[in-house]
């Protein structure tokens, strides 16, 4: 994430903390409020871990990772005996 995205994430987590605090004053120590508080705390921990670790660089696939797909039609014998269920055909029909 970029610096601005991380700042926005931390700002949003802070806003969530405030909202959960407001809910606590209305609902008290309800289990749902405790779970929300726990979730927000976990978000803060995860965001902090992202701050401390360097972002992975997006990489382009190397030639070894690329698979060439021919533009011509497929060899029809590849599909002999294949099940046409769900496509509207019958497996024993020859076209």
PDB file of N, CA and C in Angstrom:
ATOM      1  N   UNK A   1       0.832  -1.181   0.000  1.00  0.00           N
ATOM      2  CA  UNK A   1       0.000   0.000   0.000  1.00  0.00           C
ATOM      3  C   UNK A   1       0.871   1.236   0.000  1.00  0.00           C
ATOM      4  N   UNK A   2       0.338   2.261  -0.603  1.00  0.00           N
ATOM      5  CA  UNK A   2       1.088   3.512  -0.602  1.00  0.00           C
ATOM      6  C   UNK A   2       0.952   4.178   0.762  1.00  0.00           C
ATOM      7  N   UNK A   3       1.757   5.187   0.974  1.00  0.00           N
ATOM      8  CA  UNK A   3       1.725   5.913   2.243  1.00  0.00           C
ATOM      9  C   UNK A   3       0.356   6.517   2.484  1.00  0.00           C
ATOM     10  N   UNK A   4      -0.257   7.077   1.436  1.00  0.00           N
ATOM     11  CA  UNK A   4      -1.580   7.677   1.611  1.00  0.00           C
ATOM     12  C   UNK A   4      -2.635   6.616   1.942  1.00  0.00           C
ATOM     13  N   UNK A   5      -2.498   5.434   1.363  1.00  0.00           N
ATOM     14  CA  UNK A   5      -3.436   4.355   1.691  1.00  0.00           C
ATOM     15  C   UNK A   5      -3.274   3.910   3.137  1.00  0.00           C
ATOM     16  N   UNK A   6      -2.038   3.815   3.609  1.00  0.00           N
ATOM     17  CA  UNK A   6      -1.805   3.428   5.005  1.00  0.00           C
ATOM     18  C   UNK A   6      -2.333   4.497   5.957  1.00  0.00           C
ATOM     19  N   UNK A   7      -2.132   5.767   5.613  1.00  0.00           N
ATOM     20  CA  UNK A   7      -2.651   6.841   6.460  1.00  0.00           C
ATOM     21  C   UNK A   7      -4.176   6.768   6.517  1.00  0.00           C
ATOM     22  N   UNK A   8      -4.807   6.513   5.390  1.00  0.00           N
ATOM     23  CA  UNK A   8      -6.264   6.393   5.353  1.00  0.00           C
ATOM     24  C   UNK A   8      -6.737   5.194   6.159  1.00  0.00           C
ATOM     25  N   UNK A   9      -6.005   4.090   6.069  1.00  0.00           N
ATOM     26  CA  UNK A   9      -6.347   2.896   6.839  1.00  0.00           C
ATOM     27  C   UNK A   9      -6.286   3.182   8.333  1.00  0.00           C
ATOM     28  N   UNK A  10      -5.211   3.813   8.790  1.00  0.00           N
ATOM     29  CA  UNK A  10      -5.071   4.143  10.218  1.00  0.00           C
ATOM     30  C   UNK A  10      -6.148   5.136  10.663  1.00  0.00           C
ATOM     31  N   UNK A  11      -6.467   6.095   9.812  1.00  0.00           N
ATOM     32  CA  UNK A  11      -7.512   7.061  10.134  1.00  0.00           C
ATOM     33  C   UNK A  11      -8.857   6.354  10.282  1.00  0.00           C
ATOM     34  N   UNK A  12      -9.139   5.439   9.363  1.00  0.00           N
ATOM     35  CA  UNK A  12     -10.401   4.708   9.404  1.00  0.00           C
ATOM     36  C   UNK A  12     -10.483   3.807  10.630  1.00  0.00           C
ATOM     37  N   UNK A  13      -9.391   3.161  10.977  1.00  0.00           N
ATOM     38  CA  UNK A  13      -9.381   2.319  12.181  1.00  0.00           C
ATOM     39  C   UNK A  13      -9.610   3.179  13.418  1.00  0.00           C
ATOM     40  N   UNK A  14      -9.008   4.356  13.445  1.00  0.00           N
ATOM     41  CA  UNK A  14      -9.244   5.276  14.563  1.00  0.00           C
ATOM     42  C   UNK A  14     -10.709   5.681  14.653  1.00  0.00           C
ATOM     43  N   UNK A  15     -11.322   5.927  13.519  1.00  0.00           N
ATOM     44  CA  UNK A  15     -12.738   6.280  13.496  1.00  0.00           C
ATOM     45  C   UNK A  15     -13.589   5.102  13.985  1.00  0.00           C
ATOM     46  N   UNK A  16     -13.232   3.888  13.576  1.00  0.00           N
ATOM     47  CA  UNK A  16     -13.940   2.703  14.057  1.00  0.00           C
ATOM     48  C   UNK A  16     -13.824   2.569  15.570  1.00  0.00           C
ATOM     49  N   UNK A  17     -12.633   2.848  16.115  1.00  0.00           N
ATOM     50  CA  UNK A  17     -12.455   2.792  17.573  1.00  0.00           C
ATOM     51  C   UNK A  17     -13.410   3.756  18.274  1.00  0.00           C
ATOM     52  N   UNK A  18     -13.529   4.977  17.720  1.00  0.00           N
ATOM     53  CA  UNK A  18     -14.431   5.963  18.304  1.00  0.00           C
ATOM     54  C   UNK A  18     -15.879   5.474  18.242  1.00  0.00           C
ATOM     55  N   UNK A  19     -16.267   4.895  17.106  1.00  0.00           N
ATOM     56  CA  UNK A  19     -17.638   4.391  16.952  1.00  0.00           C
ATOM     57  C   UNK A  19     -17.930   3.267  17.940  1.00  0.00           C
ATOM     58  N   UNK A  20     -16.985   2.352  18.101  1.00  0.00           N
ATOM     59  CA  UNK A  20     -17.178   1.248  19.039  1.00  0.00           C
ATOM     60  C   UNK A  20     -17.246   1.796  20.465  1.00  0.00           C
ATOM     61  N   UNK A  21     -16.455   2.814  20.776  1.00  0.00           N
ATOM     62  CA  UNK A  21     -16.531   3.449  22.091  1.00  0.00           C
ATOM     63  C   UNK A  21     -17.905   4.058  22.329  1.00  0.00           C
ATOM     64  N   UNK A  22     -18.467   4.685  21.316  1.00  0.00           N
ATOM     65  CA  UNK A  22     -19.820   5.251  21.436  1.00  0.00           C
ATOM     66  C   UNK A  22     -20.853   4.148  21.633  1.00  0.00           C
ATOM     67  N   UNK A  23     -20.682   3.045  20.913  1.00  0.00           N
ATOM     68  CA  UNK A  23     -21.600   1.914  21.081  1.00  0.00           C
ATOM     69  C   UNK A  23     -21.519   1.338  22.488  1.00  0.00           C
ATOM     70  N   UNK A  24     -20.310   1.334  23.037  1.00  0.00           N
ATOM     71  CA  UNK A  24     -20.133   0.807  24.402  1.00  0.00           C
ATOM     72  C   UNK A  24     -20.900   1.654  25.411  1.00  0.00           C
ATOM     73  N   UNK A  25     -20.949   2.979  25.202  1.00  0.00           N
ATOM     74  CA  UNK A  25     -21.714   3.815  26.136  1.00  0.00           C
ATOM     75  C   UNK A  25     -23.209   3.548  26.019  1.00  0.00           C
ATOM     76  N   UNK A  26     -23.675   3.140  24.847  1.00  0.00           N
ATOM     77  CA  UNK A  26     -25.098   2.865  24.653  1.00  0.00           C
ATOM     78  C   UNK A  26     -25.456   1.441  25.083  1.00  0.00           C
ATOM     79  N   UNK A  27     -24.649   0.470  24.678  1.00  0.00           N
ATOM     80  CA  UNK A  27     -24.974  -0.941  24.910  1.00  0.00           C
ATOM     81  C   UNK A  27     -24.234  -1.565  26.080  1.00  0.00           C
ATOM     82  N   UNK A  28     -23.313  -0.837  26.645  1.00  0.00           N
ATOM     83  CA  UNK A  28     -22.552  -1.386  27.767  1.00  0.00           C
ATOM     84  C   UNK A  28     -21.579  -2.458  27.294  1.00  0.00           C
ATOM     85  N   UNK A  29     -21.378  -3.456  28.121  1.00  0.00           N
ATOM     86  CA  UNK A  29     -20.396  -4.506  27.834  1.00  0.00           C
ATOM     87  C   UNK A  29     -21.059  -5.704  27.131  1.00  0.00           C
ATOM     88  N   UNK A  30     -21.912  -5.425  26.164  1.00  0.00           N
ATOM     89  CA  UNK A  30     -22.584  -6.499  25.424  1.00  0.00           C
ATOM     90  C   UNK A  30     -21.553  -7.308  24.634  1.00  0.00           C
ATOM     91  N   UNK A  31     -21.846  -8.568  24.447  1.00  0.00           N
ATOM     92  CA  UNK A  31     -20.889  -9.437  23.743  1.00  0.00           C
ATOM     93  C   UNK A  31     -20.627  -8.952  22.321  1.00  0.00           C
ATOM     94  N   UNK A  32     -21.646  -8.405  21.659  1.00  0.00           N
ATOM     95  CA  UNK A  32     -21.436  -7.896  20.295  1.00  0.00           C
ATOM     96  C   UNK A  32     -20.471  -6.711  20.295  1.00  0.00           C
ATOM     97  N   UNK A  33     -20.565  -5.859  21.297  1.00  0.00           N
ATOM     98  CA  UNK A  33     -19.660  -4.707  21.398  1.00  0.00           C
ATOM     99  C   UNK A  33     -18.242  -5.193  21.681  1.00  0.00           C
ATOM    100  N   UNK A  34     -18.108  -6.189  22.547  1.00  0.00           N
ATOM    101  CA  UNK A  34     -16.768  -6.748  22.812  1.00  0.00           C
ATOM    102  C   UNK A  34     -16.166  -7.350  21.549  1.00  0.00           C
ATOM    103  N   UNK A  35     -16.983  -8.050  20.767  1.00  0.00           N
ATOM    104  CA  UNK A  35     -16.464  -8.634  19.527  1.00  0.00           C
ATOM    105  C   UNK A  35     -16.041  -7.549  18.550  1.00  0.00           C
ATOM    106  N   UNK A  36     -16.843  -6.502  18.425  1.00  0.00           N
ATOM    107  CA  UNK A  36     -16.465  -5.391  17.547  1.00  0.00           C
ATOM    108  C   UNK A  36     -15.162  -4.748  18.008  1.00  0.00           C
ATOM    109  N   UNK A  37     -15.031  -4.535  19.302  1.00  0.00           N
ATOM    110  CA  UNK A  37     -13.799  -3.946  19.836  1.00  0.00           C
ATOM    111  C   UNK A  37     -12.601  -4.845  19.536  1.00  0.00           C
ATOM    112  N   UNK A  38     -12.801  -6.141  19.680  1.00  0.00           N
ATOM    113  CA  UNK A  38     -11.732  -7.095  19.381  1.00  0.00           C
ATOM    114  C   UNK A  38     -11.368  -7.043  17.895  1.00  0.00           C
ATOM    115  N   UNK A  39     -12.381  -6.960  17.035  1.00  0.00           N
ATOM    116  CA  UNK A  39     -12.120  -6.888  15.599  1.00  0.00           C
ATOM    117  C   UNK A  39     -11.340  -5.627  15.228  1.00  0.00           C
ATOM    118  N   UNK A  40     -11.736  -4.504  15.811  1.00  0.00           N
ATOM    119  CA  UNK A  40     -11.036  -3.246  15.526  1.00  0.00           C
ATOM    120  C   UNK A  40      -9.602  -3.312  16.036  1.00  0.00           C
ATOM    121  N   UNK A  41      -9.413  -3.909  17.200  1.00  0.00           N
ATOM    122  CA  UNK A  41      -8.053  -4.061  17.743  1.00  0.00           C
ATOM    123  C   UNK A  41      -7.201  -4.906  16.804  1.00  0.00           C
ATOM    124  N   UNK A  42      -7.784  -5.982  16.286  1.00  0.00           N
ATOM    125  CA  UNK A  42      -7.062  -6.861  15.358  1.00  0.00           C
ATOM    126  C   UNK A  42      -6.690  -6.108  14.075  1.00  0.00           C
ATOM    127  N   UNK A  43      -7.618  -5.272  13.591  1.00  0.00           N
ATOM    128  CA  UNK A  43      -7.312  -4.455  12.409  1.00  0.00           C
ATOM    129  C   UNK A  43      -6.119  -3.540  12.681  1.00  0.00           C
ATOM    130  N   UNK A  44      -6.079  -2.953  13.864  1.00  0.00           N
ATOM    131  CA  UNK A  44      -4.961  -2.084  14.220  1.00  0.00           C
ATOM    132  C   UNK A  44      -3.644  -2.842  14.267  1.00  0.00           C
ATOM    133  N   UNK A  45      -3.680  -4.045  14.820  1.00  0.00           N
ATOM    134  CA  UNK A  45      -2.462  -4.873  14.882  1.00  0.00           C
ATOM    135  C   UNK A  45      -1.996  -5.232  13.474  1.00  0.00           C
ATOM    136  N   UNK A  46      -2.943  -5.657  12.617  1.00  0.00           N
ATOM    137  CA  UNK A  46      -2.575  -6.031  11.249  1.00  0.00           C
ATOM    138  C   UNK A  46      -2.050  -4.835  10.462  1.00  0.00           C
ATOM    139  N   UNK A  47      -2.659  -3.679  10.635  1.00  0.00           N
ATOM    140  CA  UNK A  47      -2.176  -2.482   9.948  1.00  0.00           C
ATOM    141  C   UNK A  47      -0.765  -2.125  10.418  1.00  0.00           C
ATOM    142  N   UNK A  48      -0.505  -2.288  11.712  1.00  0.00           N
ATOM    143  CA  UNK A  48       0.843  -2.030  12.231  1.00  0.00           C
ATOM    144  C   UNK A  48       1.868  -2.978  11.643  1.00  0.00           C
ATOM    145  N   UNK A  49       1.489  -4.243  11.481  1.00  0.00           N
ATOM    146  CA  UNK A  49       2.404  -5.202  10.865  1.00  0.00           C
ATOM    147  C   UNK A  49       2.701  -4.825   9.418  1.00  0.00           C
ATOM    148  N   UNK A  50       1.683  -4.342   8.708  1.00  0.00           N
ATOM    149  CA  UNK A  50       1.923  -3.907   7.329  1.00  0.00           C
ATOM    150  C   UNK A  50       2.870  -2.714   7.282  1.00  0.00           C
ATOM    151  N   UNK A  51       2.742  -1.828   8.250  1.00  0.00           N
ATOM    152  CA  UNK A  51       3.641  -0.669   8.320  1.00  0.00           C
ATOM    153  C   UNK A  51       5.097  -1.098   8.480  1.00  0.00           C
ATOM    154  N   UNK A  52       5.312  -2.175   9.229  1.00  0.00           N
ATOM    155  CA  UNK A  52       6.674  -2.617   9.531  1.00  0.00           C
ATOM    156  C   UNK A  52       7.292  -3.488   8.449  1.00  0.00           C
ATOM    157  N   UNK A  53       6.484  -4.031   7.567  1.00  0.00           N
ATOM    158  CA  UNK A  53       7.034  -4.914   6.532  1.00  0.00           C
ATOM    159  C   UNK A  53       7.046  -4.199   5.196  1.00  0.00           C
ATOM    160  N   UNK A  54       8.082  -4.438   4.410  1.00  0.00           N
ATOM    161  CA  UNK A  54       8.143  -3.787   3.103  1.00  0.00           C
ATOM    162  C   UNK A  54       7.104  -4.403   2.164  1.00  0.00           C
ATOM    163  N   UNK A  55       6.508  -3.587   1.324  1.00  0.00           N
ATOM    164  CA  UNK A  55       5.528  -4.135   0.385  1.00  0.00           C
ATOM    165  C   UNK A  55       6.196  -5.022  -0.661  1.00  0.00           C
ATOM    166  N   UNK A  56       5.456  -6.033  -1.084  1.00  0.00           N
ATOM    167  CA  UNK A  56       5.967  -6.884  -2.155  1.00  0.00           C
ATOM    168  C   UNK A  56       5.880  -6.115  -3.454  1.00  0.00           C
ATOM    169  N   UNK A  57       6.875  -6.255  -4.239  1.00  0.00           N
ATOM    170  CA  UNK A  57       6.877  -5.600  -5.544  1.00  0.00           C
ATOM    171  C   UNK A  57       6.098  -6.471  -6.504  1.00  0.00           C
ATOM    172  N   UNK A  58       5.224  -5.843  -7.276  1.00  0.00           N
ATOM    173  CA  UNK A  58       4.514  -6.629  -8.281  1.00  0.00           C
ATOM    174  C   UNK A  58       5.504  -6.967  -9.379  1.00  0.00           C
ATOM    175  N   UNK A  59       5.467  -8.207  -9.795  1.00  0.00           N
ATOM    176  CA  UNK A  59       6.420  -8.626 -10.806  1.00  0.00           C
ATOM    177  C   UNK A  59       5.668  -9.087 -12.034  1.00  0.00           C
ATOM    178  N   UNK A  60       6.307  -8.908 -13.138  1.00  0.00           N
ATOM    179  CA  UNK A  60       5.714  -9.380 -14.380  1.00  0.00           C
ATOM    180  C   UNK A  60       6.151 -10.813 -14.581  1.00  0.00           C
ATOM    181  N   UNK A  61       5.286 -11.628 -15.160  1.00  0.00           N
ATOM    182  CA  UNK A  61       5.657 -13.034 -15.346  1.00  0.00           C
ATOM    183  C   UNK A  61       6.834 -13.171 -16.299  1.00  0.00           C
ATOM    184  N   UNK A  62       7.721 -14.083 -15.958  1.00  0.00           N
ATOM    185  CA  UNK A  62       8.861 -14.331 -16.838  1.00  0.00           C
ATOM    186  C   UNK A  62       8.407 -15.187 -18.003  1.00  0.00           C
ATOM    187  N   UNK A  63       9.254 -15.327 -18.967  1.00  0.00           N
ATOM    188  CA  UNK A  63       8.924 -16.142 -20.131  1.00  0.00           C
ATOM    189  C   UNK A  63       8.614 -17.576 -19.722  1.00  0.00           C
ATOM    190  N   UNK A  64       9.282 -18.087 -18.679  1.00  0.00           N
ATOM    191  CA  UNK A  64       9.060 -19.462 -18.251  1.00  0.00           C
ATOM    192  C   UNK A  64       7.665 -19.641 -17.653  1.00  0.00           C
ATOM    193  N   UNK A  65       7.062 -18.575 -17.125  1.00  0.00           N
ATOM    194  CA  UNK A  65       5.751 -18.665 -16.507  1.00  0.00           C
ATOM    195  C   UNK A  65       4.615 -18.478 -17.505  1.00  0.00           C
ATOM    196  N   UNK A  66       4.920 -18.024 -18.703  1.00  0.00           N
ATOM    197  CA  UNK A  66       3.889 -17.770 -19.701  1.00  0.00           C
ATOM    198  C   UNK A  66       3.535 -19.051 -20.438  1.00  0.00           C
ATOM    199  N   UNK A  67       2.267 -19.168 -20.753  1.00  0.00           N
ATOM    200  CA  UNK A  67       1.784 -20.313 -21.510  1.00  0.00           C
ATOM    201  C   UNK A  67       1.224 -19.787 -22.817  1.00  0.00           C
ATOM    202  N   UNK A  68       1.743 -20.310 -23.910  1.00  0.00           N
ATOM    203  CA  UNK A  68       1.253 -19.885 -25.223  1.00  0.00           C
ATOM    204  C   UNK A  68      -0.067 -20.582 -25.518  1.00  0.00           C
ATOM    205  N   UNK A  69      -1.053 -19.802 -25.955  1.00  0.00           N
ATOM    206  CA  UNK A  69      -2.353 -20.351 -26.321  1.00  0.00           C
ATOM    207  C   UNK A  69      -2.533 -20.132 -27.817  1.00  0.00           C
ATOM    208  N   UNK A  70      -2.662 -21.224 -28.562  1.00  0.00           N
ATOM    209  CA  UNK A  70      -2.789 -21.061 -30.014  1.00  0.00           C
ATOM    210  C   UNK A  70      -4.102 -20.372 -30.378  1.00  0.00           C
ATOM    211  N   UNK A  71      -4.074 -19.623 -31.474  1.00  0.00           N
ATOM    212  CA  UNK A  71      -5.261 -18.898 -31.894  1.00  0.00           C
ATOM    213  C   UNK A  71      -6.161 -19.746 -32.784  1.00  0.00           C
ATOM    214  N   UNK A  72      -5.654 -20.830 -33.316  1.00  0.00           N
ATOM    215  CA  UNK A  72      -6.434 -21.684 -34.200  1.00  0.00           C
ATOM    216  C   UNK A  72      -7.437 -22.517 -33.429  1.00  0.00           C
ATOM    217  N   UNK A  73      -8.296 -23.233 -34.156  1.00  0.00           N
ATOM    218  CA  UNK A  73      -9.294 -24.068 -33.482  1.00  0.00           C
ATOM    219  C   UNK A  73      -8.643 -25.254 -32.787  1.00  0.00           C
ATOM    220  N   UNK A  74      -9.311 -25.734 -31.746  1.00  0.00           N
ATOM    221  CA  UNK A  74      -8.817 -26.904 -31.024  1.00  0.00           C
ATOM    222  C   UNK A  74      -8.995 -28.158 -31.867  1.00  0.00           C
ATOM    223  N   UNK A  75      -8.161 -29.130 -31.578  1.00  0.00           N
ATOM    224  CA  UNK A  75      -8.305 -30.443 -32.206  1.00  0.00           C
ATOM    225  C   UNK A  75      -9.557 -31.084 -31.616  1.00  0.00           C
ATOM    226  N   UNK A  76     -10.568 -31.351 -32.434  1.00  0.00           N
ATOM    227  CA  UNK A  76     -11.844 -31.888 -31.957  1.00  0.00           C
ATOM    228  C   UNK A  76     -11.704 -33.254 -31.305  1.00  0.00           C
ATOM    229  N   UNK A  77     -10.653 -34.005 -31.626  1.00  0.00           N
ATOM    230  CA  UNK A  77     -10.480 -35.325 -31.017  1.00  0.00           C
ATOM    231  C   UNK A  77     -10.156 -35.216 -29.531  1.00  0.00           C
ATOM    232  N   UNK A  78      -9.731 -34.050 -29.090  1.00  0.00           N
ATOM    233  CA  UNK A  78      -9.476 -33.860 -27.658  1.00  0.00           C
ATOM    234  C   UNK A  78     -10.753 -34.007 -26.843  1.00  0.00           C
ATOM    235  N   UNK A  79     -11.897 -33.747 -27.459  1.00  0.00           N
ATOM    236  CA  UNK A  79     -13.162 -33.738 -26.749  1.00  0.00           C
ATOM    237  C   UNK A  79     -13.971 -35.014 -26.948  1.00  0.00           C
ATOM    238  N   UNK A  80     -13.467 -35.983 -27.691  1.00  0.00           N
ATOM    239  CA  UNK A  80     -14.201 -37.227 -27.891  1.00  0.00           C
ATOM    240  C   UNK A  80     -14.399 -37.925 -26.552  1.00  0.00           C
ATOM    241  N   UNK A  81     -15.630 -38.313 -26.273  1.00  0.00           N
ATOM    242  CA  UNK A  81     -15.934 -38.996 -25.024  1.00  0.00           C
ATOM    243  C   UNK A  81     -16.121 -38.068 -23.837  1.00  0.00           C
ATOM    244  N   UNK A  82     -15.988 -36.774 -24.047  1.00  0.00           N
ATOM    245  CA  UNK A  82     -16.182 -35.826 -22.950  1.00  0.00           C
ATOM    246  C   UNK A  82     -17.665 -35.696 -22.639  1.00  0.00           C
ATOM    247  N   UNK A  83     -17.980 -35.443 -21.397  1.00  0.00           N
ATOM    248  CA  UNK A  83     -19.363 -35.312 -20.954  1.00  0.00           C
ATOM    249  C   UNK A  83     -19.868 -33.920 -21.269  1.00  0.00           C
ATOM    250  N   UNK A  84     -20.990 -33.820 -21.959  1.00  0.00           N
ATOM    251  CA  UNK A  84     -21.588 -32.535 -22.316  1.00  0.00           C
ATOM    252  C   UNK A  84     -22.670 -32.113 -21.331  1.00  0.00           C
ATOM    253  N   UNK A  85     -22.723 -32.729 -20.180  1.00  0.00           N
ATOM    254  CA  UNK A  85     -23.771 -32.420 -19.215  1.00  0.00           C
ATOM    255  C   UNK A  85     -23.754 -30.940 -18.862  1.00  0.00           C
ATOM    256  N   UNK A  86     -24.911 -30.355 -18.870  1.00  0.00           N
ATOM    257  CA  UNK A  86     -25.029 -28.943 -18.526  1.00  0.00           C
ATOM    258  C   UNK A  86     -24.854 -28.020 -19.708  1.00  0.00           C
ATOM    259  N   UNK A  87     -24.469 -28.555 -20.862  1.00  0.00           N
ATOM    260  CA  UNK A  87     -24.270 -27.735 -22.048  1.00  0.00           C
ATOM    261  C   UNK A  87     -25.424 -27.946 -23.023  1.00  0.00           C
ATOM    262  N   UNK A  88     -26.259 -28.918 -22.760  1.00  0.00           N
ATOM    263  CA  UNK A  88     -27.414 -29.151 -23.605  1.00  0.00           C
ATOM    264  C   UNK A  88     -27.226 -30.268 -24.613  1.00  0.00           C
ATOM    265  N   UNK A  89     -26.082 -30.877 -24.632  1.00  0.00           N
ATOM    266  CA  UNK A  89     -25.830 -31.962 -25.574  1.00  0.00           C
ATOM    267  C   UNK A  89     -25.879 -33.303 -24.892  1.00  0.00           C
ATOM    268  N   UNK A  90     -25.785 -34.343 -25.680  1.00  0.00           N
ATOM    269  CA  UNK A  90     -25.733 -35.702 -25.157  1.00  0.00           C
ATOM    270  C   UNK A  90     -24.348 -36.243 -25.459  1.00  0.00           C
ATOM    271  N   UNK A  91     -23.750 -36.966 -24.527  1.00  0.00           N
ATOM    272  CA  UNK A  91     -22.363 -37.397 -24.710  1.00  0.00           C
ATOM    273  C   UNK A  91     -22.154 -38.347 -25.885  1.00  0.00           C
ATOM    274  N   UNK A  92     -23.200 -38.996 -26.370  1.00  0.00           N
ATOM    275  CA  UNK A  92     -23.001 -39.955 -27.445  1.00  0.00           C
ATOM    276  C   UNK A  92     -23.358 -39.399 -28.816  1.00  0.00           C
ATOM    277  N   UNK A  93     -23.783 -38.143 -28.875  1.00  0.00           N
ATOM    278  CA  UNK A  93     -24.067 -37.538 -30.166  1.00  0.00           C
ATOM    279  C   UNK A  93     -22.769 -37.136 -30.830  1.00  0.00           C
ATOM    280  N   UNK A  94     -22.675 -37.381 -32.107  1.00  0.00           N
ATOM    281  CA  UNK A  94     -21.502 -36.918 -32.886  1.00  0.00           C
ATOM    282  C   UNK A  94     -21.988 -35.780 -33.761  1.00  0.00           C
ATOM    283  N   UNK A  95     -21.259 -34.754 -33.766  1.00  0.00           N
ATOM    284  CA  UNK A  95     -21.674 -33.553 -34.523  1.00  0.00           C
ATOM    285  C   UNK A  95     -20.915 -33.423 -35.792  1.00  0.00           C
TER     286      UNK A  95
END
